[in-house]
PDB file of N, CA and C in Angstrom:
ATOM      1  N   MET A   1      37.623 -79.458  89.152  1.00  0.00           N
ATOM      2  CA  MET A   1      36.857 -79.934  90.218  1.00  0.00           C
ATOM      3  C   MET A   1      35.417 -79.902  89.694  1.00  0.00           C
ATOM      4  N   HIS A   2      34.246 -81.356  90.602  1.00  0.00           N
ATOM      5  CA  HIS A   2      33.309 -80.405  90.037  1.00  0.00           C
ATOM      6  C   HIS A   2      32.823 -80.345  91.205  1.00  0.00           C
ATOM      7  N   LEU A   3      31.453 -79.717  90.454  1.00  0.00           N
ATOM      8  CA  LEU A   3      30.437 -78.515  91.757  1.00  0.00           C
ATOM      9  C   LEU A   3      28.677 -79.241  91.204  1.00  0.00           C
ATOM     10  N   LEU A   4      28.335 -79.559  92.468  1.00  0.00           N
ATOM     11  CA  LEU A   4      26.738 -79.684  92.134  1.00  0.00           C
ATOM     12  C   LEU A   4      26.161 -78.666  93.353  1.00  0.00           C
ATOM     13  N   LEU A   5      25.417 -77.990  92.187  1.00  0.00           N
ATOM     14  CA  LEU A   5      23.925 -77.673  92.709  1.00  0.00           C
ATOM     15  C   LEU A   5      22.816 -78.753  93.093  1.00  0.00           C
ATOM     16  N   VAL A   6      22.137 -78.510  94.927  1.00  0.00           N
ATOM     17  CA  VAL A   6      20.989 -79.114  94.163  1.00  0.00           C
ATOM     18  C   VAL A   6      19.780 -78.359  94.923  1.00  0.00           C
ATOM     19  N   ALA A   7      19.081 -78.498  94.432  1.00  0.00           N
ATOM     20  CA  ALA A   7      17.810 -77.448  94.152  1.00  0.00           C
ATOM     21  C   ALA A   7      17.267 -78.086  94.884  1.00  0.00           C
ATOM     22  N   HIS A   8      15.575 -76.886  95.766  1.00  0.00           N
ATOM     23  CA  HIS A   8      15.025 -78.021  96.078  1.00  0.00           C
ATOM     24  C   HIS A   8      13.979 -76.301  96.219  1.00  0.00           C
ATOM     25  N   SER A   9      13.964 -75.537  95.827  1.00  0.00           N
ATOM     26  CA  SER A   9      12.691 -73.925  95.500  1.00  0.00           C
ATOM     27  C   SER A   9      12.695 -73.720  94.662  1.00  0.00           C
ATOM     28  N   ASP A  10      11.392 -72.328  93.948  1.00  0.00           N
ATOM     29  CA  ASP A  10      11.503 -72.534  92.816  1.00  0.00           C
ATOM     30  C   ASP A  10      11.652 -71.078  92.774  1.00  0.00           C
ATOM     31  N   LEU A  11      12.181 -70.625  94.097  1.00  0.00           N
ATOM     32  CA  LEU A  11      11.992 -69.410  94.406  1.00  0.00           C
ATOM     33  C   LEU A  11      13.101 -68.408  93.349  1.00  0.00           C
ATOM     34  N   LYS A  12      13.069 -67.137  93.091  1.00  0.00           N
ATOM     35  CA  LYS A  12      13.955 -67.028  91.597  1.00  0.00           C
ATOM     36  C   LYS A  12      15.063 -65.876  92.735  1.00  0.00           C
ATOM     37  N   VAL A  13      15.319 -66.164  93.603  1.00  0.00           N
ATOM     38  CA  VAL A  13      16.644 -66.344  94.494  1.00  0.00           C
ATOM     39  C   VAL A  13      17.607 -67.266  94.454  1.00  0.00           C
ATOM     40  N   VAL A  14      16.538 -68.549  93.891  1.00  0.00           N
ATOM     41  CA  VAL A  14      17.702 -69.529  93.836  1.00  0.00           C
ATOM     42  C   VAL A  14      17.825 -70.429  91.953  1.00  0.00           C
ATOM     43  N   LYS A  15      16.551 -69.763  91.854  1.00  0.00           N
ATOM     44  CA  LYS A  15      17.556 -69.763  90.157  1.00  0.00           C
ATOM     45  C   LYS A  15      18.600 -68.296  90.089  1.00  0.00           C
ATOM     46  N   GLU A  16      18.355 -67.291  90.668  1.00  0.00           N
ATOM     47  CA  GLU A  16      19.880 -66.871  90.017  1.00  0.00           C
ATOM     48  C   GLU A  16      20.930 -67.113  90.326  1.00  0.00           C
ATOM     49  N   THR A  17      21.098 -67.053  91.615  1.00  0.00           N
ATOM     50  CA  THR A  17      22.215 -68.335  92.312  1.00  0.00           C
ATOM     51  C   THR A  17      22.416 -69.129  91.396  1.00  0.00           C
ATOM     52  N   ILE A  18      22.290 -70.199  90.503  1.00  0.00           N
ATOM     53  CA  ILE A  18      21.696 -71.150  89.658  1.00  0.00           C
ATOM     54  C   ILE A  18      22.475 -70.099  88.704  1.00  0.00           C
ATOM     55  N   ILE A  19      22.072 -69.705  88.045  1.00  0.00           N
ATOM     56  CA  ILE A  19      22.682 -69.484  87.361  1.00  0.00           C
ATOM     57  C   ILE A  19      24.356 -68.712  87.201  1.00  0.00           C
ATOM     58  N   GLY A  20      24.181 -67.796  88.341  1.00  0.00           N
ATOM     59  CA  GLY A  20      25.476 -66.901  88.669  1.00  0.00           C
ATOM     60  C   GLY A  20      26.748 -68.339  88.811  1.00  0.00           C
ATOM     61  N   LEU A  21      26.108 -68.954  89.800  1.00  0.00           N
ATOM     62  CA  LEU A  21      27.274 -70.136  90.460  1.00  0.00           C
ATOM     63  C   LEU A  21      28.006 -71.217  89.117  1.00  0.00           C
ATOM     64  N   SER A  22      26.508 -71.591  88.959  1.00  0.00           N
ATOM     65  CA  SER A  22      27.387 -72.266  87.354  1.00  0.00           C
ATOM     66  C   SER A  22      27.687 -71.521  86.198  1.00  0.00           C
ATOM     67  N   SER A  23      27.740 -70.217  85.862  1.00  0.00           N
ATOM     68  CA  SER A  23      28.678 -69.856  84.605  1.00  0.00           C
ATOM     69  C   SER A  23      29.334 -69.336  85.707  1.00  0.00           C
ATOM     70  N   ALA A  24      29.863 -68.565  86.591  1.00  0.00           N
ATOM     71  CA  ALA A  24      31.076 -68.512  87.214  1.00  0.00           C
ATOM     72  C   ALA A  24      31.918 -69.788  87.398  1.00  0.00           C
ATOM     73  N   ALA A  25      31.447 -71.441  87.439  1.00  0.00           N
ATOM     74  CA  ALA A  25      32.418 -71.910  87.577  1.00  0.00           C
ATOM     75  C   ALA A  25      32.258 -72.096  86.571  1.00  0.00           C
ATOM     76  N   ARG A  26      31.521 -72.265  85.507  1.00  0.00           N
ATOM     77  CA  ARG A  26      32.466 -73.264  83.836  1.00  0.00           C
ATOM     78  C   ARG A  26      33.525 -71.979  83.674  1.00  0.00           C
ATOM     79  N   GLU A  27      33.147 -70.903  83.863  1.00  0.00           N
ATOM     80  CA  GLU A  27      33.781 -69.694  83.429  1.00  0.00           C
ATOM     81  C   GLU A  27      35.863 -70.338  83.913  1.00  0.00           C
ATOM     82  N   ARG A  28      35.637 -70.685  85.198  1.00  0.00           N
ATOM     83  CA  ARG A  28      36.007 -70.880  85.380  1.00  0.00           C
ATOM     84  C   ARG A  28      36.877 -72.461  84.820  1.00  0.00           C
ATOM     85  N   GLY A  29      36.943 -73.913  84.041  1.00  0.00           N
ATOM     86  CA  GLY A  29      36.937 -74.640  83.735  1.00  0.00           C
ATOM     87  C   GLY A  29      36.236 -75.367  84.478  1.00  0.00           C
ATOM     88  N   HIS A  30      35.765 -75.500  85.561  1.00  0.00           N
ATOM     89  CA  HIS A  30      35.091 -76.357  87.250  1.00  0.00           C
ATOM     90  C   HIS A  30      33.814 -76.993  85.644  1.00  0.00           C
ATOM     91  N   ASP A  31      33.126 -78.504  86.464  1.00  0.00           N
ATOM     92  CA  ASP A  31      32.274 -79.313  85.530  1.00  0.00           C
ATOM     93  C   ASP A  31      30.552 -79.318  86.627  1.00  0.00           C
ATOM     94  N   VAL A  32      29.900 -78.628  86.219  1.00  0.00           N
ATOM     95  CA  VAL A  32      29.499 -78.578  86.999  1.00  0.00           C
ATOM     96  C   VAL A  32      27.530 -79.362  86.773  1.00  0.00           C
ATOM     97  N   THR A  33      26.518 -79.457  87.916  1.00  0.00           N
ATOM     98  CA  THR A  33      25.808 -80.417  87.761  1.00  0.00           C
ATOM     99  C   THR A  33      24.401 -79.574  88.717  1.00  0.00           C
ATOM    100  N   VAL A  34      23.871 -79.293  88.162  1.00  0.00           N
ATOM    101  CA  VAL A  34      22.467 -78.930  88.744  1.00  0.00           C
ATOM    102  C   VAL A  34      21.692 -79.702  88.790  1.00  0.00           C
ATOM    103  N   PHE A  35      21.420 -80.065  90.342  1.00  0.00           N
ATOM    104  CA  PHE A  35      19.394 -80.975  90.713  1.00  0.00           C
ATOM    105  C   PHE A  35      19.256 -80.889  90.562  1.00  0.00           C
ATOM    106  N   LEU A  36      17.729 -80.947  90.076  1.00  0.00           N
ATOM    107  CA  LEU A  36      16.639 -80.386  90.614  1.00  0.00           C
ATOM    108  C   LEU A  36      15.307 -81.154  90.785  1.00  0.00           C
ATOM    109  N   ASP A  37      15.329 -80.790  92.481  1.00  0.00           N
ATOM    110  CA  ASP A  37      13.864 -81.767  93.330  1.00  0.00           C
ATOM    111  C   ASP A  37      12.812 -80.754  93.945  1.00  0.00           C
ATOM    112  N   GLY A  38      11.867 -80.814  94.366  1.00  0.00           N
ATOM    113  CA  GLY A  38      10.530 -80.463  95.091  1.00  0.00           C
ATOM    114  C   GLY A  38      10.089 -79.428  93.775  1.00  0.00           C
ATOM    115  N   ASP A  39       9.774 -78.533  94.227  1.00  0.00           N
ATOM    116  CA  ASP A  39       9.168 -77.139  93.728  1.00  0.00           C
ATOM    117  C   ASP A  39      10.082 -76.946  92.471  1.00  0.00           C
ATOM    118  N   SER A  40      11.621 -76.562  92.890  1.00  0.00           N
ATOM    119  CA  SER A  40      12.663 -76.844  91.706  1.00  0.00           C
ATOM    120  C   SER A  40      12.481 -76.790  90.305  1.00  0.00           C
ATOM    121  N   VAL A  41      11.787 -78.264  90.523  1.00  0.00           N
ATOM    122  CA  VAL A  41      11.363 -78.613  88.916  1.00  0.00           C
ATOM    123  C   VAL A  41      11.009 -77.132  88.210  1.00  0.00           C
ATOM    124  N   GLN A  42      10.525 -76.589  88.658  1.00  0.00           N
ATOM    125  CA  GLN A  42       9.689 -75.445  88.011  1.00  0.00           C
ATOM    126  C   GLN A  42      10.509 -74.990  86.723  1.00  0.00           C
ATOM    127  N   LEU A  43      11.673 -75.147  87.547  1.00  0.00           N
ATOM    128  CA  LEU A  43      12.896 -73.610  86.686  1.00  0.00           C
ATOM    129  C   LEU A  43      13.084 -73.935  86.128  1.00  0.00           C
ATOM    130  N   VAL A  44      12.757 -75.475  85.574  1.00  0.00           N
ATOM    131  CA  VAL A  44      13.153 -75.741  83.787  1.00  0.00           C
ATOM    132  C   VAL A  44      11.827 -76.898  83.481  1.00  0.00           C
ATOM    133  N   ARG A  45      11.676 -75.751  83.499  1.00  0.00           N
ATOM    134  CA  ARG A  45       9.773 -76.131  82.457  1.00  0.00           C
ATOM    135  C   ARG A  45       9.517 -75.955  82.021  1.00  0.00           C
ATOM    136  N   SER A  46       9.749 -75.908  80.699  1.00  0.00           N
ATOM    137  CA  SER A  46      10.186 -76.032  79.004  1.00  0.00           C
ATOM    138  C   SER A  46       8.441 -74.126  79.098  1.00  0.00           C
ATOM    139  N   GLY A  47       9.894 -73.096  78.664  1.00  0.00           N
ATOM    140  CA  GLY A  47       8.634 -71.760  78.275  1.00  0.00           C
ATOM    141  C   GLY A  47       9.576 -70.946  78.289  1.00  0.00           C
ATOM    142  N   ARG A  48       9.316 -70.151  77.735  1.00  0.00           N
ATOM    143  CA  ARG A  48      10.145 -68.842  77.711  1.00  0.00           C
ATOM    144  C   ARG A  48      10.382 -68.134  78.931  1.00  0.00           C
ATOM    145  N   ALA A  49       9.762 -68.336  79.556  1.00  0.00           N
ATOM    146  CA  ALA A  49      10.669 -68.209  82.031  1.00  0.00           C
ATOM    147  C   ALA A  49      12.052 -68.616  80.925  1.00  0.00           C
ATOM    148  N   ASN A  50      11.727 -69.513  81.685  1.00  0.00           N
ATOM    149  CA  ASN A  50      13.003 -70.616  82.084  1.00  0.00           C
ATOM    150  C   ASN A  50      14.094 -70.674  80.902  1.00  0.00           C
ATOM    151  N   LYS A  51      13.729 -69.577  79.392  1.00  0.00           N
ATOM    152  CA  LYS A  51      14.492 -69.709  78.436  1.00  0.00           C
ATOM    153  C   LYS A  51      16.178 -69.673  79.501  1.00  0.00           C
ATOM    154  N   ASP A  52      16.486 -68.598  80.808  1.00  0.00           N
ATOM    155  CA  ASP A  52      17.819 -68.711  80.512  1.00  0.00           C
ATOM    156  C   ASP A  52      18.653 -69.603  81.614  1.00  0.00           C
ATOM    157  N   ILE A  53      17.507 -70.853  81.886  1.00  0.00           N
ATOM    158  CA  ILE A  53      18.186 -71.950  82.815  1.00  0.00           C
ATOM    159  C   ILE A  53      18.352 -72.322  81.222  1.00  0.00           C
ATOM    160  N   GLU A  54      18.124 -72.248  80.758  1.00  0.00           N
ATOM    161  CA  GLU A  54      18.155 -73.861  79.423  1.00  0.00           C
ATOM    162  C   GLU A  54      18.849 -72.970  78.538  1.00  0.00           C
ATOM    163  N   ARG A  55      20.061 -71.694  79.050  1.00  0.00           N
ATOM    164  CA  ARG A  55      20.947 -71.492  78.480  1.00  0.00           C
ATOM    165  C   ARG A  55      22.278 -71.827  78.801  1.00  0.00           C
ATOM    166  N   LEU A  56      22.526 -72.184  79.976  1.00  0.00           N
ATOM    167  CA  LEU A  56      22.899 -72.632  80.902  1.00  0.00           C
ATOM    168  C   LEU A  56      23.602 -74.423  80.144  1.00  0.00           C
ATOM    169  N   THR A  57      23.181 -75.325  79.613  1.00  0.00           N
ATOM    170  CA  THR A  57      23.571 -77.027  78.927  1.00  0.00           C
ATOM    171  C   THR A  57      24.461 -76.156  77.621  1.00  0.00           C
ATOM    172  N   PRO A  58      24.676 -75.391  76.456  1.00  0.00           N
ATOM    173  CA  PRO A  58      25.161 -75.595  75.252  1.00  0.00           C
ATOM    174  C   PRO A  58      26.645 -75.033  76.412  1.00  0.00           C
ATOM    175  N   GLY A  59      26.606 -74.426  77.435  1.00  0.00           N
ATOM    176  CA  GLY A  59      28.133 -73.875  78.401  1.00  0.00           C
ATOM    177  C   GLY A  59      28.084 -75.338  79.093  1.00  0.00           C
ATOM    178  N   GLY A  60      28.217 -75.936  79.253  1.00  0.00           N
ATOM    179  CA  GLY A  60      28.549 -77.571  79.584  1.00  0.00           C
ATOM    180  C   GLY A  60      28.057 -78.262  81.272  1.00  0.00           C
ATOM    181  N   VAL A  61      27.290 -76.993  81.630  1.00  0.00           N
ATOM    182  CA  VAL A  61      25.724 -77.637  82.872  1.00  0.00           C
ATOM    183  C   VAL A  61      25.229 -78.477  82.502  1.00  0.00           C
ATOM    184  N   ARG A  62      24.745 -79.508  83.421  1.00  0.00           N
ATOM    185  CA  ARG A  62      24.303 -80.596  83.207  1.00  0.00           C
ATOM    186  C   ARG A  62      22.851 -80.545  84.033  1.00  0.00           C
ATOM    187  N   LEU A  63      21.797 -80.258  84.214  1.00  0.00           N
ATOM    188  CA  LEU A  63      20.762 -80.417  84.100  1.00  0.00           C
ATOM    189  C   LEU A  63      20.192 -81.661  84.805  1.00  0.00           C
ATOM    190  N   LEU A  64      19.628 -82.005  85.588  1.00  0.00           N
ATOM    191  CA  LEU A  64      19.416 -83.369  86.016  1.00  0.00           C
ATOM    192  C   LEU A  64      18.243 -83.066  86.867  1.00  0.00           C
ATOM    193  N   VAL A  65      16.594 -83.474  86.752  1.00  0.00           N
ATOM    194  CA  VAL A  65      15.641 -83.490  87.153  1.00  0.00           C
ATOM    195  C   VAL A  65      14.773 -84.095  87.513  1.00  0.00           C
ATOM    196  N   CYS A  66      14.708 -84.230  89.523  1.00  0.00           N
ATOM    197  CA  CYS A  66      14.235 -85.284  89.951  1.00  0.00           C
ATOM    198  C   CYS A  66      12.784 -86.157  88.867  1.00  0.00           C
ATOM    199  N   ARG A  67      12.956 -87.111  88.781  1.00  0.00           N
ATOM    200  CA  ARG A  67      11.153 -88.053  88.030  1.00  0.00           C
ATOM    201  C   ARG A  67      10.770 -88.112  89.250  1.00  0.00           C
ATOM    202  N   THR A  68      10.276 -88.414  89.994  1.00  0.00           N
ATOM    203  CA  THR A  68       9.417 -87.708  91.234  1.00  0.00           C
ATOM    204  C   THR A  68       8.570 -86.885  91.693  1.00  0.00           C
ATOM    205  N   SER A  69       9.381 -85.916  91.242  1.00  0.00           N
ATOM    206  CA  SER A  69       9.198 -84.636  92.377  1.00  0.00           C
ATOM    207  C   SER A  69       7.883 -83.827  90.690  1.00  0.00           C
ATOM    208  N   ALA A  70       9.163 -84.016  89.634  1.00  0.00           N
ATOM    209  CA  ALA A  70       8.939 -83.682  88.580  1.00  0.00           C
ATOM    210  C   ALA A  70       7.264 -84.432  87.917  1.00  0.00           C
ATOM    211  N   ALA A  71       7.113 -85.784  87.827  1.00  0.00           N
ATOM    212  CA  ALA A  71       6.120 -85.918  88.114  1.00  0.00           C
ATOM    213  C   ALA A  71       4.515 -85.587  88.527  1.00  0.00           C
ATOM    214  N   MET A  72       4.726 -85.473  90.133  1.00  0.00           N
ATOM    215  CA  MET A  72       3.780 -84.134  90.333  1.00  0.00           C
ATOM    216  C   MET A  72       3.923 -83.424  90.531  1.00  0.00           C
ATOM    217  N   ARG A  73       4.605 -82.621  89.353  1.00  0.00           N
ATOM    218  CA  ARG A  73       3.631 -81.538  89.238  1.00  0.00           C
ATOM    219  C   ARG A  73       3.909 -81.283  88.429  1.00  0.00           C
ATOM    220  N   GLY A  74       3.382 -82.695  87.523  1.00  0.00           N
ATOM    221  CA  GLY A  74       2.790 -82.644  86.375  1.00  0.00           C
ATOM    222  C   GLY A  74       3.662 -82.719  84.905  1.00  0.00           C
ATOM    223  N   LEU A  75       5.036 -82.810  85.094  1.00  0.00           N
ATOM    224  CA  LEU A  75       6.201 -83.187  83.747  1.00  0.00           C
ATOM    225  C   LEU A  75       6.713 -84.383  84.478  1.00  0.00           C
ATOM    226  N   GLU A  76       5.865 -84.959  83.497  1.00  0.00           N
ATOM    227  CA  GLU A  76       6.326 -86.417  82.767  1.00  0.00           C
ATOM    228  C   GLU A  76       6.858 -86.713  81.825  1.00  0.00           C
ATOM    229  N   TYR A  77       7.576 -85.601  80.997  1.00  0.00           N
ATOM    230  CA  TYR A  77       7.891 -85.762  79.594  1.00  0.00           C
ATOM    231  C   TYR A  77       9.355 -85.131  79.789  1.00  0.00           C
ATOM    232  N   LEU A  78      10.211 -85.753  78.878  1.00  0.00           N
ATOM    233  CA  LEU A  78      11.784 -84.638  77.619  1.00  0.00           C
ATOM    234  C   LEU A  78      11.496 -83.455  77.725  1.00  0.00           C
ATOM    235  N   ARG A  79       9.930 -83.589  77.325  1.00  0.00           N
ATOM    236  CA  ARG A  79       8.772 -82.300  76.169  1.00  0.00           C
ATOM    237  C   ARG A  79       8.409 -81.397  76.996  1.00  0.00           C
ATOM    238  N   ASP A  80       8.457 -81.842  78.228  1.00  0.00           N
ATOM    239  CA  ASP A  80       7.589 -80.734  78.962  1.00  0.00           C
ATOM    240  C   ASP A  80       8.548 -79.662  79.832  1.00  0.00           C
ATOM    241  N   LEU A  81      10.502 -80.269  79.142  1.00  0.00           N
ATOM    242  CA  LEU A  81      11.583 -79.556  80.069  1.00  0.00           C
ATOM    243  C   LEU A  81      12.710 -78.313  79.811  1.00  0.00           C
ATOM    244  N   VAL A  82      13.106 -77.698  79.645  1.00  0.00           N
ATOM    245  CA  VAL A  82      13.766 -76.951  78.804  1.00  0.00           C
ATOM    246  C   VAL A  82      14.987 -78.013  78.088  1.00  0.00           C
ATOM    247  N   ARG A  83      15.324 -77.196  77.207  1.00  0.00           N
ATOM    248  CA  ARG A  83      16.154 -78.417  76.272  1.00  0.00           C
ATOM    249  C   ARG A  83      17.526 -78.705  76.863  1.00  0.00           C
ATOM    250  N   GLY A  84      18.036 -79.686  77.239  1.00  0.00           N
ATOM    251  CA  GLY A  84      19.250 -80.015  77.495  1.00  0.00           C
ATOM    252  C   GLY A  84      18.877 -80.690  78.763  1.00  0.00           C
ATOM    253  N   ALA A  85      18.425 -81.005  79.606  1.00  0.00           N
ATOM    254  CA  ALA A  85      17.526 -81.130  80.778  1.00  0.00           C
ATOM    255  C   ALA A  85      17.391 -82.936  80.784  1.00  0.00           C
ATOM    256  N   GLY A  86      17.769 -83.065  81.961  1.00  0.00           N
ATOM    257  CA  GLY A  86      16.903 -84.567  81.538  1.00  0.00           C
ATOM    258  C   GLY A  86      16.888 -85.401  83.107  1.00  0.00           C
ATOM    259  N   LEU A  87      15.764 -86.515  82.991  1.00  0.00           N
ATOM    260  CA  LEU A  87      14.964 -86.825  84.382  1.00  0.00           C
ATOM    261  C   LEU A  87      15.543 -88.240  85.116  1.00  0.00           C
ATOM    262  N   SER A  88      15.729 -87.988  86.436  1.00  0.00           N
ATOM    263  CA  SER A  88      16.780 -88.419  87.037  1.00  0.00           C
ATOM    264  C   SER A  88      16.777 -88.731  88.589  1.00  0.00           C
ATOM    265  N   SER A  89      17.391 -89.004  88.992  1.00  0.00           N
ATOM    266  CA  SER A  89      16.965 -89.971  90.375  1.00  0.00           C
ATOM    267  C   SER A  89      18.114 -89.141  92.022  1.00  0.00           C
ATOM    268  N   LEU A  90      16.200 -89.881  92.994  1.00  0.00           N
ATOM    269  CA  LEU A  90      17.380 -89.236  93.798  1.00  0.00           C
ATOM    270  C   LEU A  90      18.749 -90.375  94.593  1.00  0.00           C
ATOM    271  N   ALA A  91      18.478 -91.952  94.561  1.00  0.00           N
ATOM    272  CA  ALA A  91      19.682 -92.070  93.779  1.00  0.00           C
ATOM    273  C   ALA A  91      20.899 -91.833  92.858  1.00  0.00           C
ATOM    274  N   GLU A  92      20.224 -91.751  91.983  1.00  0.00           N
ATOM    275  CA  GLU A  92      21.679 -90.752  91.328  1.00  0.00           C
ATOM    276  C   GLU A  92      21.857 -89.689  91.877  1.00  0.00           C
ATOM    277  N   LEU A  93      21.398 -89.579  92.577  1.00  0.00           N
ATOM    278  CA  LEU A  93      21.784 -88.020  93.264  1.00  0.00           C
ATOM    279  C   LEU A  93      22.378 -88.627  94.807  1.00  0.00           C
ATOM    280  N   VAL A  94      22.418 -89.559  95.173  1.00  0.00           N
ATOM    281  CA  VAL A  94      23.749 -89.982  95.712  1.00  0.00           C
ATOM    282  C   VAL A  94      24.708 -90.477  95.198  1.00  0.00           C
ATOM    283  N   GLU A  95      24.697 -90.453  93.924  1.00  0.00           N
ATOM    284  CA  GLU A  95      26.200 -91.383  93.686  1.00  0.00           C
ATOM    285  C   GLU A  95      27.098 -89.856  93.574  1.00  0.00           C
ATOM    286  N   LEU A  96      25.965 -88.514  93.117  1.00  0.00           N
ATOM    287  CA  LEU A  96      26.809 -87.135  92.881  1.00  0.00           C
ATOM    288  C   LEU A  96      27.523 -86.498  93.286  1.00  0.00           C
ATOM    289  N   ILE A  97      26.603 -86.285  94.971  1.00  0.00           N
ATOM    290  CA  ILE A  97      27.290 -86.368  95.705  1.00  0.00           C
ATOM    291  C   ILE A  97      28.815 -86.960  96.404  1.00  0.00           C
ATOM    292  N   GLU A  98      28.448 -88.440  96.402  1.00  0.00           N
ATOM    293  CA  GLU A  98      29.320 -89.283  96.206  1.00  0.00           C
ATOM    294  C   GLU A  98      31.210 -88.646  95.587  1.00  0.00           C
ATOM    295  N   GLY A  99      30.188 -87.860  94.260  1.00  0.00           N
ATOM    296  CA  GLY A  99      32.019 -88.685  93.318  1.00  0.00           C
ATOM    297  C   GLY A  99      31.913 -86.900  92.867  1.00  0.00           C
ATOM    298  N   SER A 100      31.462 -85.188  94.101  1.00  0.00           N
ATOM    299  CA  SER A 100      31.509 -83.823  93.933  1.00  0.00           C
ATOM    300  C   SER A 100      32.559 -83.924  94.686  1.00  0.00           C
ATOM    301  N   GLU A 101      33.663 -82.656  94.310  1.00  0.00           N
ATOM    302  CA  GLU A 101      34.561 -82.982  95.175  1.00  0.00           C
ATOM    303  C   GLU A 101      33.497 -81.272  96.414  1.00  0.00           C
ATOM    304  N   LYS A 102      32.736 -80.282  96.301  1.00  0.00           N
ATOM    305  CA  LYS A 102      31.914 -79.743  96.323  1.00  0.00           C
ATOM    306  C   LYS A 102      30.323 -79.883  96.346  1.00  0.00           C
ATOM    307  N   THR A 103      29.422 -80.005  97.263  1.00  0.00           N
ATOM    308  CA  THR A 103      27.792 -79.532  96.827  1.00  0.00           C
ATOM    309  C   THR A 103      27.858 -78.706  97.601  1.00  0.00           C
ATOM    310  N   ILE A 104      27.129 -78.681  96.895  1.00  0.00           N
ATOM    311  CA  ILE A 104      25.577 -76.660  98.006  1.00  0.00           C
ATOM    312  C   ILE A 104      24.850 -76.305  97.286  1.00  0.00           C
ATOM    313  N   PHE A 105      23.777 -77.284  98.889  1.00  0.00           N
ATOM    314  CA  PHE A 105      21.849 -76.986  99.101  1.00  0.00           C
ATOM    315  C   PHE A 105      21.886 -75.387  98.356  1.00  0.00           C
ATOM    316  N   LEU A 106      20.520 -75.735  97.428  1.00  0.00           N
ATOM    317  CA  LEU A 106      19.674 -74.149  97.993  1.00  0.00           C
ATOM    318  C   LEU A 106      18.328 -74.371  97.698  1.00  0.00           C
ATOM    319  N   GLY A 107      18.732 -73.591  99.387  1.00  0.00           N
ATOM    320  CA  GLY A 107      16.524 -73.724  99.197  1.00  0.00           C
ATOM    321  C   GLY A 107      15.653 -74.721  99.581  1.00  0.00           C
TER     322      GLY A 107
END
């Protein structure tokens, strides 16, 4: 199964939910993609505060960041993001929604 998590907020509860759901789904062998837009792009800003999110990528979680939302918040380059995160677009989000068995929207 492929699980897609779409986050829009940088609230602590959203971050905790992303980490918890992603980890649990990966432990059960599911593919997980996290798409971040709006203020949630702050959750993958490089730095010590987001090391817990960064730890998801070696475990197979795909982190995608809306390029437009990131640029609006000063995150214009991959070096501004945690290791393993990539820039994406809302067009790709539509494709991800169509191709995922489960999609969960957070904040």
